[in-house]
Amino acid sequence: MTTPTTTPPPHDPYAALRIRNYRDYLVGSFLALIGRQAVAATAIWQVYKWTHSSAALGLVGLINVLPLLALSLPAGALADRYDRKRLIAYGTVMIAALNLALAAVSFWQASIPALAPLRWANAALRTVALLFERHTEPASLQFDHPAVPLVFLLLGASACLRILVWPARSSILPLLVPAANLGNAITWSTSAFEIATMAGPALGGFLVAYTGFAPVYLLGAVLDVAFVVLLAPVRYFQTPGARPTGRRTWRDVFAGAEFIWHKKIILGASTLDLFAVLLGGAVALLPVYADRILYVGPIGFGWLRAAPSIGAFAMAMWIAHRSPLQRPGRALLWSVAGFGAAIVVFGFSRWFWLSLVALFFTGAFDNISVVVRQSVVQLLTPDNLRGRVTAVNQIFVGSSNEIGALRAGLAAALIGPVAAVVWGGIGTIVVTVAVARAVPPLRRLPSLHTLRPDT
């Protein structure tokens, strides 16, 4: 697995960016991610403003996590069996169409008739919300807008497509750059993701404040199409590994899970991320903090949503321009513990500037975790398994984000938003200590440039 005596190559922070195919893919992916983040931030703000329900924010997380759990493993098998570039292109076009539908629903929402199925759906959503709402007057909940169920339906369909595409998007990077530049490519891709996560919500907040919800969804569709256009001329740097042939079996689908189970370092890193973000995620409650605790409105909400990405981008730039981490496992553990501590500070904060600083550090610490975990997964996995391993990792990461949103929304409804955030941060620190003790090889992980896949 490792070659401790290997000498690291001279460090070039821009090595991956010098490769045109990777650069074109990165720019297109970056644009699509800006649109996705703007749409995601706008959707939860729209649902909250239409319903005035914390529990509804948890339900948004639920409709994102159900496709994640149901479709990730089949999506990984698709990424290993078929051409990843085509899968990305087809899926992105369909996501663009759904964004156009969201724009239409938002623009003509006043003209949507209160049909019986929409009334029944709203009644069901209200019933579920009332099971958890303990800090809001029932009369203040407004599950009477006919467009609310349609927004939930379109968001669910978009989540299904994103899950089907994501293993292909995550596992295509090793085909676009030489193996020696993969870590650098992951760092820049992570940086692009964080910039998009920073710019997207802020842009969405400004557009919502001055133009409404529909233009944000329209922008998301346009940027998705731009990604497909930039993806078209991209060529693989190296030939993909041999694709599975013959009949597909359930063992083929679960091969990624089997691989991770035997790779304790990957299992430990993914488990750490799963439970840390599950407990420590506070993004789902930012509309509540912006509206009821910090009183900053949609523009302030956009900056709160962007603050973690500003911190993550700053950290990504520092990582890209320094020599590779010599003890990445320890860095991973300390960063997740720091993430939990920053979440606790944010939970108690009543000052907008302190909340921004705390969220900045959550992003900075999280970026270290993301770079180390993604590098470990890609470097230790052979290409013919990358789609399926990425799919399992997607379940760890995506479920932690989406189930974390569900947990945060329902916990806020039950015990209040401050307690939900603070106890989540404390739980993150406890999980970090438990994983550090349970997986000693993670603490002893050598420099990333020494890692090789076991084929």
Protein backbone atom coordinates (compact mmCIF):
# COMPACT_ATOMS: atom_id res chain seq x y z
CA MET A 1 0.00 0.00 0.00
CA THR A 2 2.79 2.42 0.85
CA THR A 3 6.36 3.05 -0.13
CA PRO A 4 7.77 5.05 2.78
CA THR A 5 11.12 5.65 1.12
CA THR A 6 9.61 7.31 -1.97
CA THR A 7 10.88 10.88 -2.39
CA PRO A 8 8.11 13.39 -3.12
CA PRO A 9 8.38 15.10 -6.52
CA PRO A 10 9.12 18.85 -6.67
CA HIS A 11 5.97 20.67 -5.64
CA ASP A 12 4.14 22.54 -8.43
CA PRO A 13 0.94 24.10 -7.05
CA TYR A 14 -0.45 24.59 -10.59
CA ALA A 15 0.48 21.21 -12.10
CA ALA A 16 -3.08 20.04 -12.77
CA LEU A 17 -4.18 23.44 -14.12
CA ARG A 18 -1.56 23.18 -16.86
CA ILE A 19 -3.52 20.25 -18.39
CA ARG A 20 -6.15 21.63 -20.77
CA ASN A 21 -8.67 18.78 -20.51
CA TYR A 22 -8.70 19.02 -16.74
CA ARG A 23 -8.87 22.82 -16.89
CA ASP A 24 -11.90 22.79 -19.22
CA TYR A 25 -13.65 20.22 -17.05
CA LEU A 26 -12.86 22.21 -13.92
CA VAL A 27 -14.27 25.47 -15.33
CA GLY A 28 -17.47 23.78 -16.50
CA SER A 29 -17.93 21.92 -13.24
CA PHE A 30 -17.27 25.14 -11.35
CA LEU A 31 -20.01 26.99 -13.23
CA ALA A 32 -22.51 24.18 -12.66
CA LEU A 33 -21.64 24.10 -8.96
CA ILE A 34 -22.24 27.85 -8.63
CA GLY A 35 -25.71 27.30 -10.07
CA ARG A 36 -26.36 24.28 -7.87
CA GLN A 37 -25.35 26.10 -4.68
CA ALA A 38 -27.41 29.16 -5.59
CA VAL A 39 -30.42 26.92 -6.27
CA ALA A 40 -29.94 24.94 -3.04
CA ALA A 41 -29.70 28.08 -0.90
CA THR A 42 -32.67 29.68 -2.65
CA ALA A 43 -34.81 26.56 -2.26
CA ILE A 44 -34.46 26.32 1.51
CA TRP A 45 -35.04 30.08 1.87
CA GLN A 46 -38.10 29.85 -0.38
CA VAL A 47 -39.56 26.88 1.52
CA TYR A 48 -38.96 28.59 4.86
CA LYS A 49 -40.50 31.92 3.78
CA TRP A 50 -43.54 30.17 2.31
CA THR A 51 -44.12 27.85 5.31
CA HIS A 52 -42.46 29.55 8.33
CA SER A 53 -41.57 26.07 9.54
CA SER A 54 -38.21 24.76 10.83
CA ALA A 55 -39.48 21.24 10.31
CA ALA A 56 -40.01 22.01 6.62
CA LEU A 57 -36.28 22.64 6.34
CA GLY A 58 -35.73 19.16 7.74
CA LEU A 59 -38.11 17.77 5.11
CA VAL A 60 -36.02 19.40 2.38
CA GLY A 61 -33.09 17.43 3.76
CA LEU A 62 -35.22 14.27 3.75
CA ILE A 63 -36.15 14.52 0.06
CA ASN A 64 -32.44 14.90 -0.71
CA VAL A 65 -31.31 11.97 1.41
CA LEU A 66 -33.85 9.36 0.27
CA PRO A 67 -32.51 9.28 -3.34
CA LEU A 68 -29.00 9.27 -1.92
CA LEU A 69 -29.65 6.10 0.05
CA ALA A 70 -31.66 4.40 -2.70
CA LEU A 71 -29.65 5.29 -5.82
CA SER A 72 -25.99 5.79 -4.85
CA LEU A 73 -24.88 2.17 -5.21
CA PRO A 74 -26.59 1.65 -8.60
CA ALA A 75 -25.15 5.00 -9.71
CA GLY A 76 -21.66 3.81 -8.80
CA ALA A 77 -22.15 0.64 -10.84
CA LEU A 78 -23.26 2.78 -13.81
CA ALA A 79 -20.14 4.95 -13.51
CA ASP A 80 -17.90 1.85 -13.66
CA ARG A 81 -19.79 0.22 -16.53
CA TYR A 82 -20.50 3.13 -18.90
CA ASP A 83 -18.63 6.19 -20.15
CA ARG A 84 -18.50 8.68 -17.29
CA LYS A 85 -18.38 11.73 -19.53
CA ARG A 86 -21.65 10.82 -21.27
CA LEU A 87 -23.36 10.05 -17.98
CA ILE A 88 -22.37 13.48 -16.69
CA ALA A 89 -23.62 15.24 -19.84
CA TYR A 90 -27.00 13.49 -20.00
CA GLY A 91 -27.69 13.94 -16.31
CA THR A 92 -26.71 17.61 -16.32
CA VAL A 93 -29.05 18.39 -19.21
CA MET A 94 -31.97 16.85 -17.31
CA ILE A 95 -31.07 18.79 -14.16
CA ALA A 96 -31.12 21.99 -16.23
CA ALA A 97 -34.66 21.12 -17.40
CA LEU A 98 -35.79 20.69 -13.78
CA ASN A 99 -34.28 24.07 -12.86
CA LEU A 100 -36.32 25.62 -15.67
CA ALA A 101 -39.41 23.98 -14.19
CA LEU A 102 -38.59 25.42 -10.75
CA ALA A 103 -38.21 28.86 -12.36
CA ALA A 104 -41.62 28.50 -14.02
CA VAL A 105 -43.32 27.40 -10.76
CA SER A 106 -41.74 30.31 -8.87
CA PHE A 107 -42.54 32.90 -11.54
CA TRP A 108 -46.17 31.85 -12.02
CA GLN A 109 -46.77 30.64 -8.46
CA ALA A 110 -49.71 33.02 -7.97
CA SER A 111 -51.49 31.42 -10.94
CA ILE A 112 -51.18 27.81 -9.75
CA PRO A 113 -54.67 26.54 -8.91
CA ALA A 114 -55.29 24.91 -5.53
CA LEU A 115 -55.99 21.48 -6.99
CA ALA A 116 -57.06 18.70 -4.65
CA PRO A 117 -53.74 16.74 -4.87
CA LEU A 118 -51.82 19.90 -3.96
CA ARG A 119 -54.11 20.59 -1.00
CA TRP A 120 -53.71 17.01 0.20
CA ALA A 121 -49.94 17.24 -0.13
CA ASN A 122 -49.87 20.49 1.83
CA ALA A 123 -52.05 18.95 4.54
CA ALA A 124 -49.68 15.99 4.78
CA LEU A 125 -46.65 18.29 5.03
CA ARG A 126 -48.35 20.33 7.76
CA THR A 127 -49.24 17.18 9.70
CA VAL A 128 -45.64 15.99 9.64
CA ALA A 129 -44.34 19.43 10.62
CA LEU A 130 -46.71 19.63 13.60
CA LEU A 131 -45.25 16.37 14.96
CA PHE A 132 -41.99 18.25 15.60
CA GLU A 133 -42.81 21.94 15.95
CA ARG A 134 -42.62 22.88 19.63
CA HIS A 135 -41.35 26.46 19.41
CA THR A 136 -43.73 27.84 16.78
CA GLU A 137 -47.42 28.62 17.04
CA PRO A 138 -49.34 26.16 14.82
CA ALA A 139 -51.38 29.03 13.42
CA SER A 140 -48.22 30.66 12.06
CA LEU A 141 -47.38 27.67 9.85
CA GLN A 142 -48.48 28.35 6.28
CA PHE A 143 -48.72 25.08 4.38
CA ASP A 144 -51.41 26.49 2.12
CA HIS A 145 -49.44 27.64 -0.92
CA PRO A 146 -50.23 25.36 -3.91
CA ALA A 147 -46.67 25.75 -5.19
CA VAL A 148 -45.06 24.25 -2.06
CA PRO A 149 -45.68 20.56 -2.99
CA LEU A 150 -44.52 21.25 -6.55
CA VAL A 151 -41.25 22.72 -5.28
CA PHE A 152 -40.74 19.65 -3.07
CA LEU A 153 -41.48 17.35 -6.04
CA LEU A 154 -39.03 19.11 -8.38
CA LEU A 155 -36.34 19.27 -5.71
CA GLY A 156 -36.75 15.53 -5.16
CA ALA A 157 -36.45 14.78 -8.89
CA SER A 158 -33.36 16.98 -9.13
CA ALA A 159 -31.84 15.17 -6.15
CA CYS A 160 -32.35 11.81 -7.90
CA LEU A 161 -30.50 13.01 -11.00
CA ARG A 162 -27.65 14.54 -9.00
CA ILE A 163 -27.13 11.26 -7.15
CA LEU A 164 -27.06 9.29 -10.42
CA VAL A 165 -24.46 11.65 -11.90
CA TRP A 166 -22.23 12.27 -8.90
CA PRO A 167 -20.17 9.02 -8.86
CA ALA A 168 -19.24 9.65 -12.50
CA ARG A 169 -18.26 13.25 -11.71
CA SER A 170 -16.17 12.27 -8.70
CA SER A 171 -14.42 9.31 -10.35
CA ILE A 172 -13.56 10.99 -13.66
CA LEU A 173 -10.68 13.08 -12.24
CA PRO A 174 -8.07 10.26 -12.31
CA LEU A 175 -8.76 9.91 -16.05
CA LEU A 176 -8.01 13.57 -16.76
CA VAL A 177 -4.57 13.95 -15.13
CA PRO A 178 -1.43 11.85 -14.55
CA ALA A 179 -1.40 9.92 -11.29
CA ALA A 180 1.34 12.16 -9.93
CA ASN A 181 -0.93 15.21 -10.32
CA LEU A 182 -4.10 13.65 -8.90
CA GLY A 183 -3.66 15.11 -5.42
CA ASN A 184 -3.15 18.56 -6.91
CA ALA A 185 -6.23 18.12 -9.12
CA ILE A 186 -8.31 17.15 -6.09
CA THR A 187 -7.08 20.22 -4.22
CA TRP A 188 -8.03 22.56 -7.08
CA SER A 189 -11.37 20.80 -7.59
CA THR A 190 -12.06 21.21 -3.89
CA SER A 191 -11.08 24.88 -4.16
CA ALA A 192 -13.47 25.34 -7.08
CA PHE A 193 -16.20 23.63 -5.10
CA GLU A 194 -15.62 25.94 -2.14
CA ILE A 195 -15.56 29.06 -4.31
CA ALA A 196 -18.84 27.93 -5.86
CA THR A 197 -20.28 27.22 -2.43
CA MET A 198 -19.18 30.70 -1.42
CA ALA A 199 -20.34 32.57 -4.52
CA GLY A 200 -23.51 30.57 -5.21
CA PRO A 201 -25.44 31.29 -1.99
CA ALA A 202 -24.29 34.92 -1.89
CA LEU A 203 -25.36 35.37 -5.51
CA GLY A 204 -28.62 33.58 -4.80
CA GLY A 205 -29.28 35.81 -1.78
CA PHE A 206 -28.75 39.00 -3.79
CA LEU A 207 -30.94 37.77 -6.66
CA VAL A 208 -33.73 36.73 -4.29
CA ALA A 209 -33.58 40.09 -2.51
CA TYR A 210 -33.77 42.15 -5.71
CA THR A 211 -35.40 39.96 -8.37
CA GLY A 212 -37.18 37.05 -6.64
CA PHE A 213 -36.77 33.28 -6.70
CA ALA A 214 -37.32 32.48 -10.40
CA PRO A 215 -34.13 34.15 -11.78
CA VAL A 216 -31.97 32.02 -9.49
CA TYR A 217 -33.41 28.79 -10.91
CA LEU A 218 -33.05 30.17 -14.44
CA LEU A 219 -29.40 30.97 -13.73
CA GLY A 220 -28.89 27.40 -12.49
CA ALA A 221 -30.23 26.03 -15.79
CA VAL A 222 -28.00 28.30 -17.89
CA LEU A 223 -24.87 27.33 -15.93
CA ASP A 224 -25.70 23.62 -16.26
CA VAL A 225 -25.87 24.02 -20.03
CA ALA A 226 -22.53 25.86 -19.98
CA PHE A 227 -21.00 22.85 -18.19
CA VAL A 228 -22.23 20.49 -20.90
CA VAL A 229 -20.77 22.75 -23.62
CA LEU A 230 -17.35 22.87 -21.93
CA LEU A 231 -17.44 19.12 -21.26
CA ALA A 232 -17.99 18.19 -24.92
CA PRO A 233 -14.35 18.59 -26.16
CA VAL A 234 -12.74 17.05 -23.03
CA ARG A 235 -10.64 13.95 -23.74
CA TYR A 236 -9.29 11.42 -21.28
CA PHE A 237 -5.59 11.71 -20.42
CA GLN A 238 -5.37 7.97 -19.82
CA THR A 239 -7.46 5.01 -20.94
CA PRO A 240 -10.18 4.04 -18.47
CA GLY A 241 -9.75 0.72 -16.69
CA ALA A 242 -11.46 -2.42 -17.99
CA ARG A 243 -15.22 -2.11 -17.62
CA PRO A 244 -17.26 -4.92 -16.06
CA THR A 245 -18.85 -7.18 -18.67
CA GLY A 246 -21.55 -9.83 -18.60
CA ARG A 247 -24.57 -9.88 -16.35
CA ARG A 248 -24.65 -7.48 -13.45
CA THR A 249 -25.02 -9.03 -10.02
CA TRP A 250 -25.70 -7.57 -6.62
CA ARG A 251 -22.12 -8.38 -5.67
CA ASP A 252 -20.96 -6.09 -8.49
CA VAL A 253 -23.12 -3.31 -7.05
CA PHE A 254 -21.78 -3.83 -3.53
CA ALA A 255 -18.14 -4.30 -4.59
CA GLY A 256 -17.32 -0.75 -3.53
CA ALA A 257 -18.69 -1.35 -0.04
CA GLU A 258 -16.69 -4.57 0.23
CA PHE A 259 -13.51 -2.77 -0.82
CA ILE A 260 -14.02 -0.01 1.76
CA TRP A 261 -14.79 -2.54 4.49
CA HIS A 262 -11.34 -4.08 3.99
CA LYS A 263 -9.65 -0.67 3.73
CA LYS A 264 -9.80 0.48 7.32
CA ILE A 265 -8.17 3.83 6.59
CA ILE A 266 -10.87 4.71 4.04
CA LEU A 267 -13.56 3.32 6.34
CA GLY A 268 -12.30 5.35 9.28
CA ALA A 269 -12.02 8.60 7.31
CA SER A 270 -15.48 8.18 5.78
CA THR A 271 -17.06 7.23 9.11
CA LEU A 272 -15.50 10.28 10.72
CA ASP A 273 -16.95 12.52 8.04
CA LEU A 274 -20.36 10.83 8.24
CA PHE A 275 -20.94 11.33 11.94
CA ALA A 276 -19.11 14.65 12.26
CA VAL A 277 -21.23 16.39 9.62
CA LEU A 278 -24.35 14.50 10.70
CA LEU A 279 -24.00 15.97 14.19
CA GLY A 280 -22.23 19.23 13.44
CA GLY A 281 -24.01 20.49 10.33
CA ALA A 282 -25.71 23.83 10.99
CA VAL A 283 -26.29 25.01 7.40
CA ALA A 284 -29.90 23.81 7.38
CA LEU A 285 -30.70 26.16 10.28
CA LEU A 286 -29.13 29.28 8.77
CA PRO A 287 -32.54 30.62 7.63
CA VAL A 288 -33.72 30.38 11.26
CA TYR A 289 -30.59 32.11 12.56
CA ALA A 290 -30.81 34.82 9.89
CA ASP A 291 -34.50 35.44 10.57
CA ARG A 292 -35.02 34.92 14.33
CA ILE A 293 -31.64 35.16 16.05
CA LEU A 294 -29.32 37.45 14.07
CA TYR A 295 -32.06 39.45 12.23
CA VAL A 296 -30.07 39.94 9.00
CA GLY A 297 -32.59 39.06 6.25
CA PRO A 298 -31.90 37.37 2.90
CA ILE A 299 -28.65 39.21 2.16
CA GLY A 300 -27.24 38.37 5.58
CA PHE A 301 -28.42 34.80 5.05
CA GLY A 302 -26.47 34.69 1.79
CA TRP A 303 -23.30 35.79 3.61
CA LEU A 304 -23.86 33.30 6.42
CA ARG A 305 -24.24 30.57 3.82
CA ALA A 306 -21.09 31.77 2.03
CA ALA A 307 -18.86 32.16 5.12
CA PRO A 308 -17.87 28.47 5.40
CA SER A 309 -16.85 28.47 1.76
CA ILE A 310 -14.72 31.59 2.21
CA GLY A 311 -12.87 29.77 4.98
CA ALA A 312 -12.60 26.61 2.91
CA PHE A 313 -11.24 28.51 -0.10
CA ALA A 314 -8.64 30.26 2.04
CA MET A 315 -7.53 26.91 3.45
CA ALA A 316 -7.52 25.29 -0.01
CA MET A 317 -5.21 28.00 -1.34
CA TRP A 318 -2.87 27.47 1.61
CA ILE A 319 -2.83 23.70 1.05
CA ALA A 320 -2.21 24.08 -2.71
CA HIS A 321 0.81 26.33 -2.19
CA ARG A 322 2.51 24.39 0.61
CA SER A 323 4.31 21.07 0.54
CA PRO A 324 2.10 17.98 0.97
CA LEU A 325 0.93 17.15 4.50
CA GLN A 326 3.39 14.76 6.14
CA ARG A 327 0.84 13.49 8.70
CA PRO A 328 -2.50 13.79 6.87
CA GLY A 329 -4.32 11.42 9.24
CA ARG A 330 -3.58 13.54 12.28
CA ALA A 331 -4.44 16.66 10.33
CA LEU A 332 -7.79 15.08 9.45
CA LEU A 333 -8.60 14.29 13.09
CA TRP A 334 -7.59 17.70 14.42
CA SER A 335 -9.51 19.48 11.66
CA VAL A 336 -12.76 17.65 12.43
CA ALA A 337 -12.37 18.42 16.15
CA GLY A 338 -11.80 22.09 15.25
CA PHE A 339 -14.90 21.98 13.05
CA GLY A 340 -16.97 20.82 16.05
CA ALA A 341 -15.56 23.58 18.28
CA ALA A 342 -16.37 26.25 15.68
CA ILE A 343 -19.94 24.90 15.43
CA VAL A 344 -20.34 25.33 19.21
CA VAL A 345 -19.18 28.95 18.98
CA PHE A 346 -21.62 29.63 16.14
CA GLY A 347 -24.48 28.06 18.08
CA PHE A 348 -24.01 30.41 21.04
CA SER A 349 -23.26 33.55 19.00
CA ARG A 350 -25.71 36.46 18.92
CA TRP A 351 -23.39 38.75 16.92
CA PHE A 352 -23.40 38.60 13.14
CA TRP A 353 -19.64 39.17 12.83
CA LEU A 354 -18.82 36.40 15.35
CA SER A 355 -21.19 34.04 13.55
CA LEU A 356 -19.40 34.78 10.27
CA VAL A 357 -16.00 34.11 11.86
CA ALA A 358 -17.17 30.83 13.39
CA LEU A 359 -18.64 29.68 10.07
CA PHE A 360 -15.41 30.74 8.33
CA PHE A 361 -13.47 28.34 10.55
CA THR A 362 -15.97 25.52 10.01
CA GLY A 363 -15.21 25.80 6.29
CA ALA A 364 -11.44 26.04 6.81
CA PHE A 365 -11.35 22.92 9.00
CA ASP A 366 -13.76 21.05 6.75
CA ASN A 367 -11.57 21.71 3.71
CA ILE A 368 -8.64 19.86 5.29
CA SER A 369 -10.94 16.92 5.95
CA VAL A 370 -12.27 16.92 2.37
CA VAL A 371 -8.85 17.10 0.70
CA VAL A 372 -7.38 14.31 2.84
CA ARG A 373 -10.41 12.03 2.55
CA GLN A 374 -10.89 12.44 -1.20
CA SER A 375 -7.18 11.99 -1.86
CA VAL A 376 -7.08 8.81 0.20
CA VAL A 377 -10.15 7.37 -1.55
CA GLN A 378 -8.90 8.13 -5.08
CA LEU A 379 -5.27 7.13 -4.46
CA LEU A 380 -6.03 3.78 -2.79
CA THR A 381 -8.78 2.69 -5.23
CA PRO A 382 -8.17 1.04 -8.66
CA ASP A 383 -9.99 2.67 -11.59
CA ASN A 384 -12.36 -0.23 -12.25
CA LEU A 385 -13.78 0.25 -8.74
CA ARG A 386 -13.65 4.04 -8.42
CA GLY A 387 -17.28 4.61 -9.41
CA ARG A 388 -18.60 2.12 -6.87
CA VAL A 389 -16.22 3.19 -4.12
CA THR A 390 -17.10 6.82 -4.82
CA ALA A 391 -20.79 5.90 -4.60
CA VAL A 392 -20.33 4.37 -1.15
CA ASN A 393 -18.30 7.39 -0.10
CA GLN A 394 -21.12 9.54 -1.47
CA ILE A 395 -23.52 7.76 0.85
CA PHE A 396 -21.23 8.57 3.78
CA VAL A 397 -20.78 12.21 2.79
CA GLY A 398 -24.17 12.98 1.26
CA SER A 399 -26.17 11.21 3.93
CA SER A 400 -24.25 13.09 6.62
CA ASN A 401 -25.17 16.39 4.97
CA GLU A 402 -28.78 15.57 4.17
CA ILE A 403 -29.61 13.50 7.26
CA GLY A 404 -27.76 16.19 9.19
CA ALA A 405 -30.14 18.75 7.69
CA LEU A 406 -33.07 16.56 8.72
CA ARG A 407 -31.62 16.10 12.22
CA ALA A 408 -30.96 19.81 12.62
CA GLY A 409 -34.40 20.86 11.42
CA LEU A 410 -36.28 18.38 13.60
CA ALA A 411 -34.02 18.96 16.61
CA ALA A 412 -34.53 22.72 16.27
CA ALA A 413 -38.28 22.17 16.22
CA LEU A 414 -38.07 20.00 19.36
CA ILE A 415 -35.44 21.70 21.56
CA GLY A 416 -34.78 25.00 19.78
CA PRO A 417 -32.16 25.99 17.18
CA VAL A 418 -29.40 26.99 19.63
CA ALA A 419 -29.48 23.71 21.55
CA ALA A 420 -29.65 21.74 18.30
CA VAL A 421 -26.49 23.40 16.96
CA VAL A 422 -24.46 23.41 20.21
CA TRP A 423 -25.11 19.78 21.09
CA GLY A 424 -24.31 18.82 17.53
CA GLY A 425 -20.90 20.50 17.77
CA ILE A 426 -20.15 18.77 21.05
CA GLY A 427 -21.15 15.44 19.50
CA THR A 428 -18.71 16.07 16.63
CA ILE A 429 -15.79 16.39 19.05
CA VAL A 430 -16.83 13.21 20.87
CA VAL A 431 -17.02 11.25 17.58
CA THR A 432 -13.55 12.48 16.58
CA VAL A 433 -12.03 11.14 19.79
CA ALA A 434 -13.85 7.81 19.31
CA VAL A 435 -12.64 7.35 15.72
CA ALA A 436 -9.06 8.29 16.64
CA ARG A 437 -9.05 5.53 19.26
CA ALA A 438 -10.88 2.95 17.12
CA VAL A 439 -8.76 3.32 13.93
CA PRO A 440 -5.08 3.71 14.92
CA PRO A 441 -3.84 3.36 11.28
CA LEU A 442 -5.61 6.63 10.49
CA ARG A 443 -3.39 8.44 12.99
CA ARG A 444 -0.31 6.86 11.41
CA LEU A 445 -1.28 7.58 7.78
CA PRO A 446 1.90 8.51 5.82
CA SER A 447 2.29 11.32 3.31
CA LEU A 448 -0.28 11.12 0.52
CA HIS A 449 2.32 10.92 -2.27
CA THR A 450 3.34 7.47 -0.99
CA LEU A 451 -0.12 5.91 -1.35
CA ARG A 452 -0.86 3.45 -4.19
CA PRO A 453 -3.95 1.39 -5.06
CA ASP A 454 -4.05 -2.29 -4.17
CA THR A 455 -5.34 -3.89 -7.32
